[in-house]
C-alpha atoms as a PDB file:
ATOM      1  CA  MET A   1     -13.851   1.229  22.618  1.00  0.00           C
ATOM      2  CA  MET A   2     -15.820   3.321  20.197  1.00  0.00           C
ATOM      3  CA  GLY A   3     -14.629   5.582  17.399  1.00  0.00           C
ATOM      4  CA  SER A   4     -11.485   7.569  18.158  1.00  0.00           C
ATOM      5  CA  MET A   5     -11.832   7.799  21.918  1.00  0.00           C
ATOM      6  CA  ARG A   6      -9.541   6.000  24.328  1.00  0.00           C
ATOM      7  CA  PHE A   7     -11.026   4.666  27.527  1.00  0.00           C
ATOM      8  CA  ARG A   8      -8.248   4.114  30.032  1.00  0.00           C
ATOM      9  CA  THR A   9      -7.788   3.583  33.724  1.00  0.00           C
ATOM     10  CA  PHE A  10      -5.295   6.237  34.784  1.00  0.00           C
ATOM     11  CA  LEU A  11      -2.897   4.914  37.390  1.00  0.00           C
ATOM     12  CA  PRO A  12      -0.854   7.423  39.410  1.00  0.00           C
ATOM     13  CA  LEU A  13       1.951   7.464  36.833  1.00  0.00           C
ATOM     14  CA  GLY A  14      -0.509   7.987  34.010  1.00  0.00           C
ATOM     15  CA  LEU A  15      -2.195  10.823  35.904  1.00  0.00           C
ATOM     16  CA  THR A  16       1.153  12.447  36.566  1.00  0.00           C
ATOM     17  CA  ILE A  17       2.079  12.268  32.885  1.00  0.00           C
ATOM     18  CA  ALA A  18      -1.305  13.633  31.832  1.00  0.00           C
ATOM     19  CA  LEU A  19      -0.871  16.631  34.152  1.00  0.00           C
ATOM     20  CA  LEU A  20       2.606  17.293  32.848  1.00  0.00           C
ATOM     21  CA  PHE A  21       1.390  17.166  29.251  1.00  0.00           C
ATOM     22  CA  GLY A  22      -1.463  19.505  30.055  1.00  0.00           C
ATOM     23  CA  ALA A  23       0.978  22.104  31.298  1.00  0.00           C
ATOM     24  CA  ALA A  24       3.166  21.717  28.233  1.00  0.00           C
ATOM     25  CA  ALA A  25       0.217  21.852  25.865  1.00  0.00           C
ATOM     26  CA  GLU A  26      -1.202  25.257  26.702  1.00  0.00           C
ATOM     27  CA  ALA A  27       0.634  27.004  23.874  1.00  0.00           C
ATOM     28  CA  GLY A  28      -0.146  24.249  21.389  1.00  0.00           C
ATOM     29  CA  CYS A  29      -0.228  20.494  21.526  1.00  0.00           C
ATOM     30  CA  PHE A  30      -0.888  17.307  19.654  1.00  0.00           C
ATOM     31  CA  PRO A  31      -4.118  15.481  20.581  1.00  0.00           C
ATOM     32  CA  THR A  32      -3.934  12.571  22.997  1.00  0.00           C
ATOM     33  CA  SER A  33      -5.042  10.073  20.349  1.00  0.00           C
ATOM     34  CA  ILE A  34      -3.425  10.111  16.918  1.00  0.00           C
ATOM     35  CA  ARG A  35      -4.209   7.259  14.561  1.00  0.00           C
ATOM     36  CA  GLY A  36      -2.293   8.110  11.443  1.00  0.00           C
ATOM     37  CA  VAL A  37      -0.921   6.733   8.194  1.00  0.00           C
ATOM     38  CA  THR A  38       1.750   8.277   5.984  1.00  0.00           C
ATOM     39  CA  VAL A  39       0.720   8.525   2.355  1.00  0.00           C
ATOM     40  CA  SER A  40       3.940   8.252   0.384  1.00  0.00           C
ATOM     41  CA  THR A  41       4.805   8.990  -3.235  1.00  0.00           C
ATOM     42  CA  HIS A  42       6.296   7.151  -6.192  1.00  0.00           C
ATOM     43  CA  ARG A  43       7.522  10.439  -7.633  1.00  0.00           C
ATOM     44  CA  SER A  44       8.363  13.778  -5.978  1.00  0.00           C
ATOM     45  CA  GLY A  45       4.929  14.357  -4.520  1.00  0.00           C
ATOM     46  CA  GLN A  46       2.710  15.244  -7.475  1.00  0.00           C
ATOM     47  CA  GLU A  47       0.256  12.491  -6.454  1.00  0.00           C
ATOM     48  CA  TRP A  48      -0.602  14.415  -3.278  1.00  0.00           C
ATOM     49  CA  GLY A  49      -2.041  17.199  -5.395  1.00  0.00           C
ATOM     50  CA  SER A  50      -3.931  14.863  -7.730  1.00  0.00           C
ATOM     51  CA  ASP A  51      -7.443  13.433  -7.823  1.00  0.00           C
ATOM     52  CA  ARG A  52      -6.035  10.183  -6.406  1.00  0.00           C
ATOM     53  CA  MET A  53      -5.767  11.581  -2.894  1.00  0.00           C
ATOM     54  CA  ARG A  54      -9.429  11.879  -1.995  1.00  0.00           C
ATOM     55  CA  PRO A  55     -10.336   8.205  -2.615  1.00  0.00           C
ATOM     56  CA  THR A  56      -7.097   7.223  -0.891  1.00  0.00           C
ATOM     57  CA  MET A  57      -8.026   9.242   2.171  1.00  0.00           C
ATOM     58  CA  GLU A  58     -11.559   7.874   2.099  1.00  0.00           C
ATOM     59  CA  GLN A  59     -10.226   4.303   2.193  1.00  0.00           C
ATOM     60  CA  LEU A  60      -7.992   5.150   5.125  1.00  0.00           C
ATOM     61  CA  ARG A  61     -10.773   6.905   7.002  1.00  0.00           C
ATOM     62  CA  ASP A  62     -12.922   3.811   6.564  1.00  0.00           C
ATOM     63  CA  LEU A  63     -10.229   1.781   8.348  1.00  0.00           C
ATOM     64  CA  GLY A  64     -10.324   4.055  11.388  1.00  0.00           C
ATOM     65  CA  VAL A  65      -7.460   6.343  10.346  1.00  0.00           C
ATOM     66  CA  GLU A  66      -7.889   9.896  11.657  1.00  0.00           C
ATOM     67  CA  TRP A  67      -4.626  11.545  10.575  1.00  0.00           C
ATOM     68  CA  ILE A  68      -2.727  11.603   7.263  1.00  0.00           C
ATOM     69  CA  ALA A  69       0.943  12.499   6.876  1.00  0.00           C
ATOM     70  CA  ILE A  70       2.742  13.569   3.720  1.00  0.00           C
ATOM     71  CA  HIS A  71       6.501  14.037   3.394  1.00  0.00           C
ATOM     72  CA  PRO A  72       7.570  16.785   0.956  1.00  0.00           C
ATOM     73  CA  TYR A  73      11.088  16.352  -0.410  1.00  0.00           C
ATOM     74  CA  ALA A  74      14.108  18.528  -1.002  1.00  0.00           C
ATOM     75  CA  GLY A  75      17.523  17.250  -2.027  1.00  0.00           C
ATOM     76  CA  VAL A  76      20.926  17.772  -0.434  1.00  0.00           C
ATOM     77  CA  ARG A  77      24.290  17.953  -2.170  1.00  0.00           C
ATOM     78  CA  ALA A  78      27.768  17.134  -0.917  1.00  0.00           C
ATOM     79  CA  ASP A  79      28.581  20.840  -0.522  1.00  0.00           C
ATOM     80  CA  GLY A  80      25.548  21.479   1.708  1.00  0.00           C
ATOM     81  CA  THR A  81      23.320  22.976  -0.969  1.00  0.00           C
ATOM     82  CA  ILE A  82      19.619  22.275  -0.495  1.00  0.00           C
ATOM     83  CA  ARG A  83      17.924  21.576  -3.810  1.00  0.00           C
ATOM     84  CA  ILE A  84      14.191  22.305  -4.068  1.00  0.00           C
ATOM     85  CA  PHE A  85      12.604  19.808  -6.451  1.00  0.00           C
ATOM     86  CA  ARG A  86       9.504  21.843  -7.170  1.00  0.00           C
ATOM     87  CA  GLY A  87       8.760  25.523  -6.715  1.00  0.00           C
ATOM     88  CA  LEU A  88       7.645  26.793  -3.292  1.00  0.00           C
ATOM     89  CA  ASP A  89       5.961  30.150  -3.761  1.00  0.00           C
ATOM     90  CA  PRO A  90       3.722  31.135  -0.820  1.00  0.00           C
ATOM     91  CA  ASP A  91       1.749  33.352  -3.183  1.00  0.00           C
ATOM     92  CA  ALA A  92       1.139  30.445  -5.574  1.00  0.00           C
ATOM     93  CA  PRO A  93       1.440  27.414  -3.296  1.00  0.00           C
ATOM     94  CA  PRO A  94       1.913  24.009  -4.912  1.00  0.00           C
ATOM     95  CA  GLU A  95      -1.164  21.813  -4.985  1.00  0.00           C
ATOM     96  CA  GLU A  96       0.773  18.837  -3.591  1.00  0.00           C
ATOM     97  CA  ILE A  97       1.012  20.723  -0.276  1.00  0.00           C
ATOM     98  CA  VAL A  98      -2.253  22.626   0.018  1.00  0.00           C
ATOM     99  CA  ARG A  99      -4.672  20.229  -1.659  1.00  0.00           C
ATOM    100  CA  PRO A 100      -4.069  17.306   0.745  1.00  0.00           C
ATOM    101  CA  ILE A 101      -4.778  19.676   3.639  1.00  0.00           C
ATOM    102  CA  ARG A 102      -8.067  20.767   2.060  1.00  0.00           C
ATOM    103  CA  GLU A 103      -9.081  17.216   1.190  1.00  0.00           C
ATOM    104  CA  ALA A 104      -8.215  15.876   4.631  1.00  0.00           C
ATOM    105  CA  HIS A 105     -10.194  18.562   6.415  1.00  0.00           C
ATOM    106  CA  ALA A 106     -13.171  18.101   4.096  1.00  0.00           C
ATOM    107  CA  LEU A 107     -13.210  14.415   5.099  1.00  0.00           C
ATOM    108  CA  GLY A 108     -12.939  15.139   8.808  1.00  0.00           C
ATOM    109  CA  LEU A 109      -9.271  14.094   8.927  1.00  0.00           C
ATOM    110  CA  LYS A 110      -6.210  15.896  10.263  1.00  0.00           C
ATOM    111  CA  ILE A 111      -2.869  16.144   8.531  1.00  0.00           C
ATOM    112  CA  LEU A 112       0.818  16.239   9.430  1.00  0.00           C
ATOM    113  CA  ILE A 113       3.496  17.752   7.184  1.00  0.00           C
ATOM    114  CA  LYS A 114       6.765  15.847   7.621  1.00  0.00           C
ATOM    115  CA  PRO A 115       9.581  17.103   5.362  1.00  0.00           C
ATOM    116  CA  HIS A 116      12.239  14.618   4.214  1.00  0.00           C
ATOM    117  CA  LEU A 117      15.675  15.368   2.804  1.00  0.00           C
ATOM    118  CA  ALA A 118      16.314  13.106  -0.192  1.00  0.00           C
ATOM    119  CA  TYR A 119      19.860  11.771   0.080  1.00  0.00           C
ATOM    120  CA  TRP A 120      19.928   9.647  -3.095  1.00  0.00           C
ATOM    121  CA  GLY A 121      22.386  10.941  -5.665  1.00  0.00           C
ATOM    122  CA  SER A 122      24.534  12.331  -2.837  1.00  0.00           C
ATOM    123  CA  PRO A 123      27.468  10.797  -0.941  1.00  0.00           C
ATOM    124  CA  PHE A 124      25.263  10.220   2.095  1.00  0.00           C
ATOM    125  CA  ALA A 125      24.047   6.702   2.880  1.00  0.00           C
ATOM    126  CA  TRP A 126      20.921   7.899   4.700  1.00  0.00           C
ATOM    127  CA  ARG A 127      19.582  11.027   6.381  1.00  0.00           C
ATOM    128  CA  GLY A 128      21.468  10.316   9.580  1.00  0.00           C
ATOM    129  CA  ASP A 129      24.686  10.525   7.565  1.00  0.00           C
ATOM    130  CA  ILE A 130      24.085  14.072   6.298  1.00  0.00           C
ATOM    131  CA  GLY A 131      26.865  16.264   7.658  1.00  0.00           C
ATOM    132  CA  PHE A 132      29.903  18.226   6.552  1.00  0.00           C
ATOM    133  CA  GLU A 133      33.546  18.827   7.433  1.00  0.00           C
ATOM    134  CA  ASP A 134      33.678  22.252   5.790  1.00  0.00           C
ATOM    135  CA  PRO A 135      32.181  25.120   7.862  1.00  0.00           C
ATOM    136  CA  ALA A 136      31.090  26.823   4.631  1.00  0.00           C
ATOM    137  CA  ALA A 137      29.093  23.722   3.704  1.00  0.00           C
ATOM    138  CA  TRP A 138      27.357  23.832   7.072  1.00  0.00           C
ATOM    139  CA  GLU A 139      26.456  27.470   6.466  1.00  0.00           C
ATOM    140  CA  ARG A 140      24.993  26.620   3.066  1.00  0.00           C
ATOM    141  CA  PHE A 141      23.098  23.725   4.583  1.00  0.00           C
ATOM    142  CA  TRP A 142      21.513  25.677   7.417  1.00  0.00           C
ATOM    143  CA  SER A 143      20.653  28.649   5.211  1.00  0.00           C
ATOM    144  CA  GLY A 144      18.977  26.490   2.579  1.00  0.00           C
ATOM    145  CA  TYR A 145      17.399  24.054   5.015  1.00  0.00           C
ATOM    146  CA  SER A 146      15.934  26.809   7.204  1.00  0.00           C
ATOM    147  CA  ASP A 147      14.500  28.638   4.187  1.00  0.00           C
ATOM    148  CA  TRP A 148      12.910  25.416   2.943  1.00  0.00           C
ATOM    149  CA  ILE A 149      11.392  24.421   6.271  1.00  0.00           C
ATOM    150  CA  VAL A 150      10.025  27.875   7.110  1.00  0.00           C
ATOM    151  CA  THR A 151       8.544  28.246   3.619  1.00  0.00           C
ATOM    152  CA  LEU A 152       6.910  24.808   3.860  1.00  0.00           C
ATOM    153  CA  ALA A 153       5.501  25.673   7.275  1.00  0.00           C
ATOM    154  CA  LYS A 154       4.079  28.923   5.909  1.00  0.00           C
ATOM    155  CA  ILE A 155       2.518  27.243   2.886  1.00  0.00           C
ATOM    156  CA  GLY A 156       1.179  24.406   5.056  1.00  0.00           C
ATOM    157  CA  ARG A 157       0.083  26.569   7.983  1.00  0.00           C
ATOM    158  CA  GLU A 158      -3.438  25.104   7.867  1.00  0.00           C
ATOM    159  CA  ALA A 159      -2.011  21.665   8.659  1.00  0.00           C
ATOM    160  CA  ASP A 160      -2.626  20.152  12.083  1.00  0.00           C
ATOM    161  CA  GLY A 161       0.981  19.301  12.832  1.00  0.00           C
ATOM    162  CA  PHE A 162       4.431  19.978  11.429  1.00  0.00           C
ATOM    163  CA  VAL A 163       7.793  18.212  11.681  1.00  0.00           C
ATOM    164  CA  VAL A 164      10.859  20.461  11.611  1.00  0.00           C
ATOM    165  CA  GLY A 165      13.315  17.699  10.668  1.00  0.00           C
ATOM    166  CA  THR A 166      13.640  13.977  10.087  1.00  0.00           C
ATOM    167  CA  GLU A 167      16.520  11.702  11.183  1.00  0.00           C
ATOM    168  CA  LEU A 168      19.241  14.367  10.879  1.00  0.00           C
ATOM    169  CA  ALA A 169      21.485  12.820  13.527  1.00  0.00           C
ATOM    170  CA  ARG A 170      24.698  14.660  12.594  1.00  0.00           C
ATOM    171  CA  THR A 171      23.034  18.040  13.135  1.00  0.00           C
ATOM    172  CA  LEU A 172      21.908  17.402  16.705  1.00  0.00           C
ATOM    173  CA  ASP A 173      24.962  18.944  18.357  1.00  0.00           C
ATOM    174  CA  GLN A 174      24.037  22.296  16.791  1.00  0.00           C
ATOM    175  CA  LYS A 175      21.284  23.076  19.259  1.00  0.00           C
ATOM    176  CA  GLN A 176      21.080  26.815  18.668  1.00  0.00           C
ATOM    177  CA  ARG A 177      20.555  26.327  14.945  1.00  0.00           C
ATOM    178  CA  TRP A 178      17.557  24.136  15.728  1.00  0.00           C
ATOM    179  CA  VAL A 179      16.195  26.516  18.365  1.00  0.00           C
ATOM    180  CA  ASP A 180      16.396  29.420  15.911  1.00  0.00           C
ATOM    181  CA  LEU A 181      14.669  27.351  13.221  1.00  0.00           C
ATOM    182  CA  ILE A 182      11.878  26.244  15.559  1.00  0.00           C
ATOM    183  CA  HIS A 183      11.251  29.836  16.626  1.00  0.00           C
ATOM    184  CA  ALA A 184      11.137  30.914  12.979  1.00  0.00           C
ATOM    185  CA  VAL A 185       8.583  28.197  12.185  1.00  0.00           C
ATOM    186  CA  ARG A 186       6.409  29.304  15.091  1.00  0.00           C
ATOM    187  CA  GLN A 187       6.319  32.779  13.573  1.00  0.00           C
ATOM    188  CA  VAL A 188       4.531  31.475  10.463  1.00  0.00           C
ATOM    189  CA  SER A 189       2.511  28.529  11.777  1.00  0.00           C
ATOM    190  CA  GLU A 190       0.422  27.748  14.839  1.00  0.00           C
ATOM    191  CA  ALA A 191       0.578  23.988  14.240  1.00  0.00           C
ATOM    192  CA  PRO A 192       2.037  21.787  16.990  1.00  0.00           C
ATOM    193  CA  LEU A 193       5.654  20.959  16.224  1.00  0.00           C
ATOM    194  CA  THR A 194       7.935  17.980  16.624  1.00  0.00           C
ATOM    195  CA  TYR A 195      11.184  16.568  15.287  1.00  0.00           C
ATOM    196  CA  ALA A 196      11.378  12.984  13.959  1.00  0.00           C
ATOM    197  CA  ALA A 197      14.357  11.357  15.701  1.00  0.00           C
ATOM    198  CA  ASN A 198      15.619   7.967  14.648  1.00  0.00           C
ATOM    199  CA  TRP A 199      14.786   5.239  17.179  1.00  0.00           C
ATOM    200  CA  ASP A 200      18.369   5.128  18.474  1.00  0.00           C
ATOM    201  CA  ARG A 201      18.821   8.905  18.702  1.00  0.00           C
ATOM    202  CA  TYR A 202      15.740  10.328  20.422  1.00  0.00           C
ATOM    203  CA  GLU A 203      17.565  10.553  23.770  1.00  0.00           C
ATOM    204  CA  SER A 204      20.292  12.654  22.109  1.00  0.00           C
ATOM    205  CA  VAL A 205      18.025  15.455  20.885  1.00  0.00           C
ATOM    206  CA  PRO A 206      18.861  18.557  22.985  1.00  0.00           C
ATOM    207  CA  PHE A 207      15.893  20.733  22.007  1.00  0.00           C
ATOM    208  CA  TRP A 208      12.792  18.745  22.989  1.00  0.00           C
ATOM    209  CA  SER A 209      11.826  21.559  25.379  1.00  0.00           C
ATOM    210  CA  GLU A 210      11.234  23.783  22.337  1.00  0.00           C
ATOM    211  CA  LEU A 211       8.764  21.339  20.785  1.00  0.00           C
ATOM    212  CA  ASP A 212       5.315  19.941  21.584  1.00  0.00           C
ATOM    213  CA  ALA A 213       6.088  16.225  21.356  1.00  0.00           C
ATOM    214  CA  ILE A 214       9.009  13.823  21.255  1.00  0.00           C
ATOM    215  CA  GLY A 215       8.890  12.507  17.704  1.00  0.00           C
ATOM    216  CA  VAL A 216      10.361   9.040  17.188  1.00  0.00           C
ATOM    217  CA  GLN A 217      10.894   6.961  14.059  1.00  0.00           C
ATOM    218  CA  ALA A 218       9.804   3.801  15.869  1.00  0.00           C
ATOM    219  CA  TYR A 219      11.822   1.114  14.086  1.00  0.00           C
ATOM    220  CA  PHE A 220      12.809  -0.512  17.353  1.00  0.00           C
ATOM    221  CA  PRO A 221      14.465  -3.947  17.171  1.00  0.00           C
ATOM    222  CA  LEU A 222      12.163  -6.236  19.119  1.00  0.00           C
ATOM    223  CA  VAL A 223      14.210  -9.440  19.189  1.00  0.00           C
ATOM    224  CA  ASP A 224      17.912 -10.205  18.851  1.00  0.00           C
ATOM    225  CA  ALA A 225      19.619 -12.603  16.485  1.00  0.00           C
ATOM    226  CA  GLU A 226      19.341 -15.472  18.956  1.00  0.00           C
ATOM    227  CA  THR A 227      15.647 -15.013  19.737  1.00  0.00           C
ATOM    228  CA  GLU A 228      12.770 -16.542  17.812  1.00  0.00           C
ATOM    229  CA  THR A 229      10.048 -14.167  16.669  1.00  0.00           C
ATOM    230  CA  THR A 230       6.885 -15.150  18.530  1.00  0.00           C
ATOM    231  CA  GLU A 231       4.012 -13.235  20.053  1.00  0.00           C
ATOM    232  CA  ALA A 232       5.644 -13.540  23.476  1.00  0.00           C
ATOM    233  CA  THR A 233       9.038 -12.246  22.339  1.00  0.00           C
ATOM    234  CA  VAL A 234       7.540  -9.377  20.335  1.00  0.00           C
ATOM    235  CA  ARG A 235       5.441  -8.347  23.348  1.00  0.00           C
ATOM    236  CA  ALA A 236       8.510  -8.495  25.560  1.00  0.00           C
ATOM    237  CA  GLY A 237      10.417  -6.336  23.104  1.00  0.00           C
ATOM    238  CA  TRP A 238       7.721  -3.696  23.003  1.00  0.00           C
ATOM    239  CA  LEU A 239       7.438  -3.736  26.800  1.00  0.00           C
ATOM    240  CA  ARG A 240      11.142  -2.941  27.140  1.00  0.00           C
ATOM    241  CA  TRP A 241      10.932  -0.034  24.722  1.00  0.00           C
ATOM    242  CA  SER A 242       7.670   1.367  26.083  1.00  0.00           C
ATOM    243  CA  GLN A 243       9.067   1.449  29.625  1.00  0.00           C
ATOM    244  CA  ARG A 244      12.127   3.319  28.415  1.00  0.00           C
ATOM    245  CA  LEU A 245       9.997   5.751  26.385  1.00  0.00           C
ATOM    246  CA  THR A 246       7.695   6.411  29.333  1.00  0.00           C
ATOM    247  CA  ALA A 247      10.620   7.266  31.577  1.00  0.00           C
ATOM    248  CA  PHE A 248      12.073   9.611  28.966  1.00  0.00           C
ATOM    249  CA  SER A 249       8.693  11.202  28.291  1.00  0.00           C
ATOM    250  CA  LYS A 250       8.194  11.936  31.972  1.00  0.00           C
ATOM    251  CA  ALA A 251      11.688  13.403  32.289  1.00  0.00           C
ATOM    252  CA  GLN A 252      11.144  15.689  29.276  1.00  0.00           C
ATOM    253  CA  GLU A 253       7.558  16.597  30.243  1.00  0.00           C
ATOM    254  CA  ARG A 254       6.490  15.890  26.691  1.00  0.00           C
ATOM    255  CA  PRO A 255       4.419  13.092  25.104  1.00  0.00           C
ATOM    256  CA  VAL A 256       5.912  10.697  22.575  1.00  0.00           C
ATOM    257  CA  LEU A 257       4.590  10.604  19.011  1.00  0.00           C
ATOM    258  CA  PHE A 258       5.683   7.843  16.664  1.00  0.00           C
ATOM    259  CA  THR A 259       6.324   9.858  13.503  1.00  0.00           C
ATOM    260  CA  GLU A 260       6.864   6.556  11.660  1.00  0.00           C
ATOM    261  CA  LEU A 261       6.142   2.953  12.557  1.00  0.00           C
ATOM    262  CA  GLY A 262       6.362   0.090  10.109  1.00  0.00           C
ATOM    263  CA  TYR A 263       7.703  -3.362   9.351  1.00  0.00           C
ATOM    264  CA  ASN A 264       9.476  -4.139   6.118  1.00  0.00           C
ATOM    265  CA  HIS A 265       8.515  -7.223   4.153  1.00  0.00           C
ATOM    266  CA  SER A 266      11.682  -9.131   5.053  1.00  0.00           C
ATOM    267  CA  PRO A 267      12.443 -12.253   7.082  1.00  0.00           C
ATOM    268  CA  ASN A 268      14.212 -10.175   9.742  1.00  0.00           C
ATOM    269  CA  THR A 269      11.604  -7.466  10.201  1.00  0.00           C
ATOM    270  CA  ALA A 270      11.248  -7.994  13.967  1.00  0.00           C
ATOM    271  CA  ARG A 271      15.033  -7.602  14.343  1.00  0.00           C
ATOM    272  CA  GLU A 272      15.605  -4.826  11.801  1.00  0.00           C
ATOM    273  CA  PRO A 273      12.302  -3.232  10.762  1.00  0.00           C
ATOM    274  CA  TRP A 274      14.174  -0.655   8.694  1.00  0.00           C
ATOM    275  CA  ALA A 275      16.228  -3.123   6.649  1.00  0.00           C
ATOM    276  CA  GLY A 276      15.727  -5.529   3.806  1.00  0.00           C
ATOM    277  CA  GLY A 277      13.482  -5.396   0.806  1.00  0.00           C
ATOM    278  CA  PRO A 278      10.530  -7.230  -0.672  1.00  0.00           C
ATOM    279  CA  GLY A 279      12.352 -10.571  -0.510  1.00  0.00           C
ATOM    280  CA  ASP A 280      10.583 -13.539   0.987  1.00  0.00           C
ATOM    281  CA  GLY A 281       9.191 -11.832   4.052  1.00  0.00           C
ATOM    282  CA  ASP A 282       6.398 -13.330   6.117  1.00  0.00           C
ATOM    283  CA  GLU A 283       3.304 -11.137   6.141  1.00  0.00           C
ATOM    284  CA  ALA A 284       2.103 -12.900   9.275  1.00  0.00           C
ATOM    285  CA  VAL A 285       5.172 -11.596  11.124  1.00  0.00           C
ATOM    286  CA  MET A 286       4.560  -8.081   9.790  1.00  0.00           C
ATOM    287  CA  ALA A 287       0.971  -8.301  10.986  1.00  0.00           C
ATOM    288  CA  LEU A 288       1.993  -9.626  14.403  1.00  0.00           C
ATOM    289  CA  CYS A 289       4.550  -6.871  14.984  1.00  0.00           C
ATOM    290  CA  THR A 290       2.161  -4.167  13.797  1.00  0.00           C
ATOM    291  CA  ARG A 291      -0.723  -5.445  15.905  1.00  0.00           C
ATOM    292  CA  ILE A 292       1.317  -5.517  19.094  1.00  0.00           C
ATOM    293  CA  ALA A 293       2.853  -2.119  18.319  1.00  0.00           C
ATOM    294  CA  LEU A 294      -0.606  -0.570  17.930  1.00  0.00           C
ATOM    295  CA  GLU A 295      -1.790  -2.228  21.130  1.00  0.00           C
ATOM    296  CA  THR A 296       1.205  -0.682  22.883  1.00  0.00           C
ATOM    297  CA  VAL A 297       0.424   2.781  21.531  1.00  0.00           C
ATOM    298  CA  GLU A 298      -3.207   2.511  22.601  1.00  0.00           C
ATOM    299  CA  ARG A 299      -2.235   1.315  26.081  1.00  0.00           C
ATOM    300  CA  GLU A 300       0.609   3.684  26.980  1.00  0.00           C
ATOM    301  CA  ASP A 301      -0.394   7.125  28.222  1.00  0.00           C
ATOM    302  CA  SER A 302       3.012   8.544  27.354  1.00  0.00           C
ATOM    303  CA  ILE A 303       2.575   7.726  23.622  1.00  0.00           C
ATOM    304  CA  VAL A 304      -0.086   9.901  21.998  1.00  0.00           C
ATOM    305  CA  GLY A 305      -0.175   8.099  18.675  1.00  0.00           C
ATOM    306  CA  THR A 306       1.541   6.870  15.569  1.00  0.00           C
ATOM    307  CA  PHE A 307       1.871   7.314  11.824  1.00  0.00           C
ATOM    308  CA  LEU A 308       2.084   3.942  10.107  1.00  0.00           C
ATOM    309  CA  TRP A 309       4.577   3.674   7.231  1.00  0.00           C
ATOM    310  CA  LYS A 310       3.480   3.567   4.448  1.00  0.00           C
ATOM    311  CA  TRP A 311       0.554   3.764   1.998  1.00  0.00           C
ATOM    312  CA  PHE A 312       0.521   4.968  -1.600  1.00  0.00           C
ATOM    313  CA  PRO A 313      -2.214   6.823  -3.479  1.00  0.00           C
ATOM    314  CA  GLU A 314      -4.695   4.911  -5.562  1.00  0.00           C
ATOM    315  CA  PRO A 315      -4.696   2.837  -7.708  1.00  0.00           C
ATOM    316  CA  HIS A 316      -1.653   0.990  -6.247  1.00  0.00           C
ATOM    317  CA  PRO A 317      -1.616   1.702  -2.510  1.00  0.00           C
ATOM    318  CA  ALA A 318       0.331  -1.352  -1.314  1.00  0.00           C
ATOM    319  CA  GLY A 319       3.845  -0.572  -2.553  1.00  0.00           C
ATOM    320  CA  ARG A 320       6.650  -3.149  -2.643  1.00  0.00           C
ATOM    321  CA  ASP A 321       8.261  -3.262   0.772  1.00  0.00           C
ATOM    322  CA  TYR A 322       6.142  -2.222   3.764  1.00  0.00           C
ATOM    323  CA  ARG A 323       2.919  -3.337   2.051  1.00  0.00           C
ATOM    324  CA  LEU A 324       0.603  -1.650   4.500  1.00  0.00           C
ATOM    325  CA  ALA A 325      -2.390  -1.751   2.137  1.00  0.00           C
ATOM    326  CA  THR A 326      -2.700  -5.538   1.766  1.00  0.00           C
ATOM    327  CA  PRO A 327      -5.936  -7.197   2.964  1.00  0.00           C
ATOM    328  CA  THR A 328      -4.131  -8.668   5.972  1.00  0.00           C
ATOM    329  CA  MET A 329      -2.668  -5.349   7.078  1.00  0.00           C
ATOM    330  CA  ARG A 330      -5.949  -3.520   6.479  1.00  0.00           C
ATOM    331  CA  ASP A 331      -7.561  -5.957   8.907  1.00  0.00           C
ATOM    332  CA  VAL A 332      -4.841  -5.271  11.484  1.00  0.00           C
ATOM    333  CA  ILE A 333      -5.438  -1.516  11.252  1.00  0.00           C
ATOM    334  CA  ARG A 334      -9.205  -1.823  11.338  1.00  0.00           C
ATOM    335  CA  GLU A 335      -9.194  -4.136  14.335  1.00  0.00           C
ATOM    336  CA  ALA A 336      -6.672  -2.034  16.264  1.00  0.00           C
ATOM    337  CA  TRP A 337      -8.573   1.165  15.692  1.00  0.00           C
ATOM    338  CA  ASP A 338     -12.039  -0.258  16.333  1.00  0.00           C
ATOM    339  CA  LYS A 339     -13.457   0.390  12.908  1.00  0.00           C
ATOM    340  CA  GLU A 340     -16.275  -1.907  11.866  1.00  0.00           C
ATOM    341  CA  PRO A 341     -16.097  -2.931   8.187  1.00  0.00           C
ATOM    342  CA  ASP A 342     -18.617  -1.410   5.831  1.00  0.00           C
ATOM    343  CA  VAL A 343     -21.597  -3.606   4.933  1.00  0.00           C
ATOM    344  CA  GLU A 344     -20.209  -4.320   1.463  1.00  0.00           C
ATOM    345  CA  GLU A 345     -16.892  -5.498   2.975  1.00  0.00           C
ATOM    346  CA  ARG A 346     -18.564  -8.146   5.158  1.00  0.00           C
END
């Protein structure tokens, strides 16, 4: 393979899926090959608007990365109030939103805006836990959340993709709220849209027909507690999940996009990619799981791409847990995405 193109032999199933996606994509769609990395933040996002972003993006581009994602934050309180950390004025848009879009486009990259609700400091254990017993709290939540998302979409309307929500499992039974929000976002942005469902909830999302791709946080357990982590068992795990995703994709007439994919630096990363911390993880296992995951994405016609989690802006891109920017993981990305090293790297 060369550059960003995929050369595939389309079997009948693949051709069928391609035709279905073509029909769904007329109004707006994600490309059929997305090779992305999420650039995270040690603070509330100021780094995205700083001079650190351009060299960070250049490094990623040199590895074969073609898309960047950023994840603007707002907070949530126990009473449903949405707390905006930094001002969002469409007439004076914050640099941490608009500058990464400019920088990415200047470098020939595309960019995804993927808002995250920050749950720390609240009673919620994670985003999937955000929900309320009080109807008034739900009203506050949806009013504040919708305002935040629509304003972000308006400010980031030059982005190449937008995520309307991330891992909000306890909201999924409120379909009409989501449909109304998606329609409101489409009024201010022409970017393709998705929702980022947790790996164990994507089949429960009732509004995929309103969106352009099935977004999945792809932290799939690949082996169980009784199974040794080897290349064979990791491949078998990914085969099981890819078959299930392909069937769901065909049923929904939408492609799958991995809105996050990563392996934590922990001994159990193949079993629980989302769990653990820096600990005494084995980078070889992280590399193995990532390599096979990227091979799966490149092979499966139903999966249009992925955003690897996560990278930090220069001068400390590796972080503490997922450690995507280590030399070993850089090699995995480069090799998967067919990017020859620069002369000085050889």
